Amino acid sequence: MSIVHEEQSKDIVLVKVEVLREFAKSCFQNIGVHPEHASIAADVLVESDLRGIESHGVSNMLRRYVDAFAEKDINPTPKPKVIRGKGAVATLDSDAGHGLVVGPYAMNMAIEKAKDYGIGSVTVINGRHFGACAYHAEMALKHNMIGIAMTTGGLMVAPVNGAEAKVGLNPIGVAVPTKDEPPFIFDASMSSVAGNKIALAQRIGVKVMAGWIAKADGTPIMEETEVPDEYLMLPAGGTREIGSHKGFSLAMLVEILAGVLGGSGAGNFRRSQAAHHFIAYDIDAFTDVDKFKSDMDEYMKSIKETKPAPGVDRVVYAGLPEYEEKIEREDDGIPYHPEVLDWFKNICAELGIDWNLS
């Protein structure tokens, strides 16, 4: 259950999807983004909210992007260019472009290369935050491909037993097509949780779970706590005893594939703000597509039908709860806390946009 659902359900207001999409698009256009790019950026954010990923949706990210554009940290009219490549692979300089726009551009490039070579891979340097990995990975599904997307997030995560941040939040997204069952869509930070979830919890005043963060001196906080002013993120797993060495090593892998492989360094040695890495696998180049999807259906169904542990209603796989959440929110609208709607209203006034979210 999301932080918004869990702690603020009694206060939520439902906003229709198309109204929200038009609002986000208008905001981007009013800060200098090309209308076509504004539509893409809005779609990335709204899709996150539809899937219940508020940490990467309109409510939590739009305000950050508005500030970044105002500070001229993001180029509103980028000209991405290939700076190196061979056959199925390429390195792209994003020209400091908005990740919500350059990310889909690069993923489409990987998909087109996969059509020719069976696999396509694109690394992006000089990038900016690109939203949820799942959006980019999921782009491959309609092409009968497996999609993978990853990015170097904010440098906030300490190594196992460390007291300094050495890797980014570094999420990885994987999308795998199915025939009749909801697709397998995994999207997770290699930190304990997405950093935006901590920011969201801090903003709305809710506690975070044990094992999510550490004190500034690196000591893991192993009880539910309010977010302190200074903290470090823990790797996925929390502590060495329950697997943080796995999360930290995967976070390092993202630094390597996105940063080092693209020539922009890793961790404390990054030479650009963010780097991304995209892969597309054309299933037809490996096996029969219909057989693959049938096998995936069989496997996904078996996961759903797993006998649940005591006290648990059911077993799910990555992407299933989000698939169900999206259906519900498309019908009913997307829930927001009044504090979020207040910000929406204020930014509309600031940018000269008609307020129509009530």
Protein backbone atom coordinates (compact mmCIF):
# COMPACT_ATOMS: atom_id res chain seq x y z
CA MET A 1 0.00 0.00 0.00
CA SER A 2 1.30 3.47 -0.88
CA ILE A 3 2.23 6.07 1.70
CA VAL A 4 -0.66 8.26 0.52
CA HIS A 5 -3.16 5.40 0.77
CA GLU A 6 -1.90 4.13 4.09
CA GLU A 7 -1.65 7.35 6.04
CA GLN A 8 -3.90 9.89 4.32
CA SER A 9 -6.82 7.93 2.84
CA LYS A 10 -9.42 9.87 4.81
CA ASP A 11 -8.28 13.16 3.24
CA ILE A 12 -7.80 12.21 -0.39
CA VAL A 13 -9.41 13.92 -3.36
CA LEU A 14 -9.86 12.06 -6.66
CA VAL A 15 -8.69 13.74 -9.88
CA LYS A 16 -9.64 12.39 -13.30
CA VAL A 17 -6.74 11.09 -15.37
CA GLU A 18 -7.21 13.26 -18.48
CA VAL A 19 -7.64 16.40 -16.38
CA LEU A 20 -4.38 15.61 -14.60
CA ARG A 21 -2.60 14.82 -17.86
CA GLU A 22 -3.63 18.15 -19.39
CA PHE A 23 -2.58 19.99 -16.24
CA ALA A 24 0.91 18.41 -16.25
CA LYS A 25 1.29 19.05 -19.99
CA SER A 26 0.31 22.72 -19.56
CA CYS A 27 2.84 23.14 -16.75
CA PHE A 28 5.67 21.79 -18.89
CA GLN A 29 4.66 23.93 -21.87
CA ASN A 30 4.51 27.04 -19.73
CA ILE A 31 8.10 26.54 -18.57
CA GLY A 32 9.40 26.31 -22.14
CA VAL A 33 9.09 22.65 -23.11
CA HIS A 34 8.01 21.89 -26.68
CA PRO A 35 4.33 20.79 -26.79
CA GLU A 36 5.20 17.32 -28.11
CA HIS A 37 7.83 16.85 -25.41
CA ALA A 38 5.44 18.24 -22.79
CA SER A 39 2.92 15.53 -23.72
CA ILE A 40 5.54 12.81 -23.34
CA ALA A 41 6.75 14.17 -20.00
CA ALA A 42 3.19 14.42 -18.69
CA ASP A 43 2.46 10.86 -19.79
CA VAL A 44 5.48 9.50 -17.89
CA LEU A 45 4.37 11.18 -14.67
CA VAL A 46 0.68 10.32 -14.97
CA GLU A 47 1.48 6.68 -15.73
CA SER A 48 3.35 6.47 -12.42
CA ASP A 49 0.36 7.86 -10.55
CA LEU A 50 -1.97 5.46 -12.37
CA ARG A 51 0.13 2.54 -11.19
CA GLY A 52 0.11 3.82 -7.61
CA ILE A 53 3.75 4.95 -7.66
CA GLU A 54 3.14 8.41 -6.15
CA SER A 55 6.84 8.85 -5.39
CA HIS A 56 7.47 9.26 -9.13
CA GLY A 57 4.16 10.78 -10.16
CA VAL A 58 2.79 14.26 -10.72
CA SER A 59 2.37 15.08 -7.04
CA ASN A 60 5.94 14.43 -5.99
CA MET A 61 7.99 15.09 -9.12
CA LEU A 62 6.35 17.96 -11.01
CA ARG A 63 7.32 20.49 -8.35
CA ARG A 64 10.93 19.27 -8.51
CA TYR A 65 11.01 19.60 -12.29
CA VAL A 66 9.46 23.08 -12.21
CA ASP A 67 12.19 24.19 -9.80
CA ALA A 68 14.91 22.55 -11.91
CA PHE A 69 13.73 24.31 -15.08
CA ALA A 70 13.55 27.64 -13.21
CA GLU A 71 17.15 27.13 -12.05
CA LYS A 72 18.13 26.29 -15.65
CA ASP A 73 19.33 22.88 -14.52
CA ILE A 74 17.36 21.18 -17.32
CA ASN A 75 17.65 22.18 -20.98
CA PRO A 76 14.06 22.66 -22.27
CA THR A 77 15.13 22.37 -25.93
CA PRO A 78 17.84 19.65 -26.00
CA LYS A 79 19.46 18.16 -29.07
CA PRO A 80 20.49 14.62 -28.03
CA LYS A 81 23.24 13.13 -30.17
CA VAL A 82 25.03 9.82 -30.55
CA ILE A 83 28.65 10.27 -29.55
CA ARG A 84 29.73 6.66 -30.00
CA GLY A 85 28.20 3.46 -31.32
CA LYS A 86 28.60 0.20 -33.14
CA GLY A 87 25.81 -2.00 -34.51
CA ALA A 88 23.36 -2.78 -31.72
CA VAL A 89 24.75 -0.29 -29.21
CA ALA A 90 25.21 3.44 -28.80
CA THR A 91 26.15 6.11 -26.28
CA LEU A 92 23.96 9.19 -26.34
CA ASP A 93 24.68 12.65 -24.93
CA SER A 94 21.33 13.99 -23.77
CA ASP A 95 22.40 17.65 -23.91
CA ALA A 96 21.09 18.08 -20.33
CA GLY A 97 17.61 17.34 -21.63
CA HIS A 98 14.66 16.37 -19.49
CA GLY A 99 14.92 12.68 -18.65
CA LEU A 100 11.16 12.27 -19.10
CA VAL A 101 11.75 13.12 -22.77
CA VAL A 102 15.25 11.82 -23.48
CA GLY A 103 14.56 8.52 -21.68
CA PRO A 104 11.75 7.47 -24.06
CA TYR A 105 13.85 8.72 -26.99
CA ALA A 106 16.76 6.49 -25.97
CA MET A 107 14.53 3.50 -25.23
CA ASN A 108 12.98 3.82 -28.68
CA MET A 109 16.50 3.84 -30.11
CA ALA A 110 17.28 0.60 -28.27
CA ILE A 111 14.04 -0.94 -29.55
CA GLU A 112 14.84 -0.01 -33.16
CA LYS A 113 18.31 -1.51 -32.83
CA ALA A 114 16.78 -4.69 -31.40
CA LYS A 115 14.58 -4.99 -34.50
CA ASP A 116 17.75 -5.10 -36.59
CA TYR A 117 20.10 -7.03 -34.32
CA GLY A 118 17.89 -8.97 -31.90
CA ILE A 119 19.14 -6.82 -29.03
CA GLY A 120 19.67 -3.10 -28.65
CA SER A 121 21.42 -1.18 -25.89
CA VAL A 122 21.81 2.55 -25.36
CA THR A 123 23.70 4.34 -22.60
CA VAL A 124 22.88 8.00 -21.95
CA ILE A 125 25.21 10.52 -20.31
CA ASN A 126 24.76 14.17 -19.34
CA GLY A 127 21.26 13.23 -18.29
CA ARG A 128 18.63 14.40 -15.85
CA HIS A 129 16.07 12.55 -13.71
CA PHE A 130 13.93 10.33 -15.97
CA GLY A 131 11.05 9.36 -13.70
CA ALA A 132 10.09 5.75 -13.11
CA CYS A 133 12.18 3.04 -14.77
CA ALA A 134 9.05 0.99 -15.43
CA TYR A 135 7.74 3.48 -17.98
CA HIS A 136 10.80 3.14 -20.19
CA ALA A 137 11.12 -0.63 -19.80
CA GLU A 138 7.42 -1.09 -20.53
CA MET A 139 7.79 0.63 -23.90
CA ALA A 140 9.29 -2.61 -25.24
CA LEU A 141 6.20 -4.72 -24.54
CA LYS A 142 4.15 -3.62 -27.54
CA HIS A 143 7.05 -4.65 -29.77
CA ASN A 144 7.13 -8.19 -28.32
CA MET A 145 10.35 -7.35 -26.56
CA ILE A 146 11.76 -7.48 -23.05
CA GLY A 147 12.73 -4.04 -21.83
CA ILE A 148 15.28 -3.04 -19.19
CA ALA A 149 15.95 0.50 -17.97
CA MET A 150 18.20 1.76 -15.21
CA THR A 151 19.54 5.09 -14.03
CA THR A 152 22.01 6.55 -11.57
CA GLY A 153 19.87 8.26 -8.94
CA GLY A 154 20.92 10.71 -6.27
CA LEU A 155 24.17 9.85 -4.51
CA MET A 156 22.61 9.02 -1.15
CA VAL A 157 23.37 5.36 -0.42
CA ALA A 158 26.10 4.17 1.92
CA PRO A 159 28.03 0.93 1.34
CA VAL A 160 27.47 -1.95 3.73
CA ASN A 161 28.89 -0.80 7.08
CA GLY A 162 29.81 2.56 5.52
CA ALA A 163 29.26 6.09 6.79
CA GLU A 164 29.48 7.94 3.46
CA ALA A 165 27.27 7.87 0.35
CA LYS A 166 29.09 6.02 -2.44
CA VAL A 167 26.35 4.96 -4.87
CA GLY A 168 23.10 6.39 -6.10
CA LEU A 169 19.57 5.18 -5.43
CA ASN A 170 19.98 3.47 -8.82
CA PRO A 171 16.66 1.86 -9.76
CA ILE A 172 16.33 -0.96 -12.26
CA GLY A 173 13.18 -1.57 -14.30
CA VAL A 174 12.36 -4.79 -16.19
CA ALA A 175 9.25 -5.41 -18.31
CA VAL A 176 8.40 -8.83 -19.81
CA PRO A 177 5.38 -9.43 -22.07
CA THR A 178 2.72 -12.07 -21.45
CA LYS A 179 -0.31 -13.25 -23.43
CA ASP A 180 -3.34 -13.08 -21.14
CA GLU A 181 -1.89 -12.49 -17.68
CA PRO A 182 -0.73 -9.01 -16.57
CA PRO A 183 2.88 -8.52 -17.69
CA PHE A 184 5.82 -8.93 -15.33
CA ILE A 185 7.00 -5.39 -14.55
CA PHE A 186 9.67 -4.95 -11.90
CA ASP A 187 10.79 -1.47 -10.90
CA ALA A 188 12.80 -0.90 -7.76
CA SER A 189 15.57 1.21 -6.40
CA MET A 190 18.66 -0.69 -5.34
CA SER A 191 18.46 1.36 -2.18
CA SER A 192 16.13 0.22 0.57
CA VAL A 193 13.31 2.20 -1.05
CA ALA A 194 13.08 4.96 -3.62
CA GLY A 195 14.54 8.19 -2.29
CA ASN A 196 11.38 10.03 -3.32
CA LYS A 197 9.42 7.89 -0.86
CA ILE A 198 11.55 9.27 1.95
CA ALA A 199 11.02 12.81 0.66
CA LEU A 200 7.28 12.17 0.40
CA ALA A 201 7.13 10.77 3.93
CA GLN A 202 9.09 13.74 5.21
CA ARG A 203 6.77 16.18 3.45
CA ILE A 204 3.49 14.70 4.70
CA GLY A 205 4.86 13.85 8.14
CA VAL A 206 4.63 10.07 8.25
CA LYS A 207 7.15 7.61 9.67
CA VAL A 208 9.38 5.34 7.58
CA MET A 209 9.99 1.68 8.25
CA ALA A 210 12.93 0.05 9.99
CA GLY A 211 15.91 -0.61 7.74
CA TRP A 212 15.16 2.14 5.23
CA ILE A 213 17.63 4.78 6.38
CA ALA A 214 20.71 5.21 8.56
CA LYS A 215 21.82 7.95 10.88
CA ALA A 216 24.32 10.44 9.50
CA ASP A 217 27.12 8.32 11.06
CA GLY A 218 26.02 5.23 9.11
CA THR A 219 24.22 3.40 11.92
CA PRO A 220 21.15 1.65 10.47
CA ILE A 221 17.88 2.78 12.08
CA MET A 222 16.09 -0.48 12.82
CA GLU A 223 12.82 0.82 14.18
CA GLU A 224 10.01 2.86 12.64
CA THR A 225 11.04 6.50 12.72
CA GLU A 226 10.34 10.00 11.54
CA VAL A 227 12.79 11.15 8.90
CA PRO A 228 15.63 13.14 10.54
CA ASP A 229 17.13 16.24 8.93
CA GLU A 230 20.35 14.34 8.11
CA TYR A 231 20.40 10.70 7.12
CA LEU A 232 21.90 8.19 4.69
CA MET A 233 19.94 5.74 2.56
CA LEU A 234 20.63 2.05 3.14
CA PRO A 235 21.07 -0.43 0.28
CA ALA A 236 18.23 -2.84 -0.50
CA GLY A 237 18.32 -5.37 2.31
CA GLY A 238 19.03 -2.81 5.02
CA THR A 239 21.85 -4.61 6.83
CA ARG A 240 24.48 -7.21 5.90
CA GLU A 241 22.65 -9.91 7.86
CA ILE A 242 19.56 -9.58 5.68
CA GLY A 243 21.19 -8.97 2.32
CA SER A 244 22.33 -5.36 1.94
CA HIS A 245 25.50 -6.56 0.19
CA LYS A 246 23.26 -7.74 -2.67
CA GLY A 247 21.47 -4.42 -3.01
CA PHE A 248 24.71 -2.48 -2.81
CA SER A 249 26.40 -4.61 -5.48
CA LEU A 250 23.44 -4.20 -7.84
CA ALA A 251 23.59 -0.44 -7.25
CA MET A 252 27.26 -0.55 -8.22
CA LEU A 253 26.30 -2.45 -11.39
CA VAL A 254 24.01 0.43 -12.39
CA GLU A 255 26.86 2.90 -11.80
CA ILE A 256 29.05 0.78 -14.09
CA LEU A 257 26.59 0.13 -16.94
CA ALA A 258 25.17 3.65 -17.02
CA GLY A 259 28.09 5.78 -15.88
CA VAL A 260 31.41 4.03 -16.49
CA LEU A 261 30.29 2.34 -19.72
CA GLY A 262 29.13 5.69 -21.08
CA GLY A 263 32.40 7.37 -20.14
CA SER A 264 31.00 9.65 -17.45
CA GLY A 265 32.36 7.98 -14.31
CA ALA A 266 30.63 6.46 -11.29
CA GLY A 267 29.65 7.33 -7.74
CA ASN A 268 31.71 10.18 -6.29
CA PHE A 269 33.56 10.41 -9.61
CA ARG A 270 30.54 11.09 -11.83
CA ARG A 271 31.21 13.69 -14.49
CA SER A 272 27.56 14.33 -15.25
CA GLN A 273 24.42 14.55 -13.16
CA ALA A 274 22.74 11.32 -14.21
CA ALA A 275 23.40 8.48 -16.61
CA HIS A 276 20.94 5.92 -17.94
CA HIS A 277 21.16 2.51 -19.54
CA PHE A 278 18.51 0.85 -21.73
CA ILE A 279 18.28 -2.64 -23.20
CA ALA A 280 15.68 -4.18 -25.50
CA TYR A 281 15.56 -7.92 -26.29
CA ASP A 282 13.60 -8.94 -29.40
CA ILE A 283 11.98 -12.20 -28.26
CA ASP A 284 11.56 -13.44 -31.83
CA ALA A 285 15.33 -13.44 -32.22
CA PHE A 286 15.60 -15.92 -29.33
CA THR A 287 12.48 -18.07 -29.49
CA ASP A 288 8.90 -18.25 -30.79
CA VAL A 289 6.99 -15.23 -29.46
CA ASP A 290 3.68 -17.02 -28.93
CA LYS A 291 5.37 -19.87 -27.10
CA PHE A 292 7.29 -17.39 -24.95
CA LYS A 293 4.11 -15.55 -23.96
CA SER A 294 2.28 -18.79 -23.21
CA ASP A 295 5.17 -19.92 -21.03
CA MET A 296 5.11 -16.57 -19.25
CA ASP A 297 1.36 -16.88 -18.67
CA GLU A 298 1.83 -20.34 -17.22
CA TYR A 299 4.55 -19.10 -14.91
CA MET A 300 2.75 -15.91 -13.81
CA LYS A 301 -0.44 -17.86 -13.12
CA SER A 302 1.48 -20.34 -10.99
CA ILE A 303 2.86 -17.48 -8.89
CA LYS A 304 -0.65 -16.10 -8.31
CA GLU A 305 -1.89 -19.56 -7.36
CA THR A 306 0.88 -20.15 -4.82
CA LYS A 307 -0.50 -21.15 -1.44
CA PRO A 308 -0.23 -18.00 0.74
CA ALA A 309 1.50 -17.92 4.10
CA PRO A 310 -0.66 -17.62 7.25
CA GLY A 311 -2.27 -14.20 7.58
CA VAL A 312 -1.76 -13.31 3.93
CA ASP A 313 -4.61 -13.15 1.42
CA ARG A 314 -2.68 -13.95 -1.74
CA VAL A 315 0.68 -14.12 -3.50
CA VAL A 316 1.49 -11.62 -6.24
CA TYR A 317 4.34 -10.97 -8.67
CA ALA A 318 5.95 -7.68 -9.74
CA GLY A 319 3.55 -5.63 -11.82
CA LEU A 320 0.32 -7.35 -10.79
CA PRO A 321 -0.76 -4.96 -7.98
CA GLU A 322 0.15 -1.97 -10.17
CA TYR A 323 -1.86 -3.42 -13.06
CA GLU A 324 -4.90 -3.72 -10.83
CA GLU A 325 -4.35 -0.25 -9.35
CA LYS A 326 -4.21 1.27 -12.83
CA ILE A 327 -7.58 -0.22 -13.80
CA GLU A 328 -9.17 1.20 -10.64
CA ARG A 329 -7.63 4.65 -11.00
CA GLU A 330 -8.52 4.92 -14.69
CA ASP A 331 -12.14 4.46 -13.65
CA ASP A 332 -12.26 6.40 -10.38
CA GLY A 333 -9.50 8.98 -10.67
CA ILE A 334 -6.14 9.45 -8.99
CA PRO A 335 -6.11 10.16 -5.22
CA TYR A 336 -4.25 13.19 -3.91
CA HIS A 337 -3.79 14.75 -0.50
CA PRO A 338 -5.14 18.32 -0.14
CA GLU A 339 -1.59 19.61 0.38
CA VAL A 340 -0.77 18.41 -3.13
CA LEU A 341 -3.85 20.07 -4.61
CA ASP A 342 -2.88 23.32 -2.88
CA TRP A 343 0.48 23.18 -4.66
CA PHE A 344 -1.25 22.40 -7.96
CA LYS A 345 -3.47 25.45 -7.50
CA ASN A 346 -0.53 27.69 -6.61
CA ILE A 347 1.57 26.60 -9.57
CA CYS A 348 -1.40 27.17 -11.88
CA ALA A 349 -1.60 30.76 -10.61
CA GLU A 350 2.15 31.20 -10.94
CA LEU A 351 2.26 29.90 -14.53
CA GLY A 352 -1.00 31.46 -15.66
CA ILE A 353 -2.82 28.15 -16.14
CA ASP A 354 -6.55 27.85 -15.61
CA TRP A 355 -7.32 25.95 -12.41
CA ASN A 356 -9.53 22.98 -13.34
CA LEU A 357 -8.56 20.23 -10.89
CA SER A 358 -11.26 20.85 -8.30
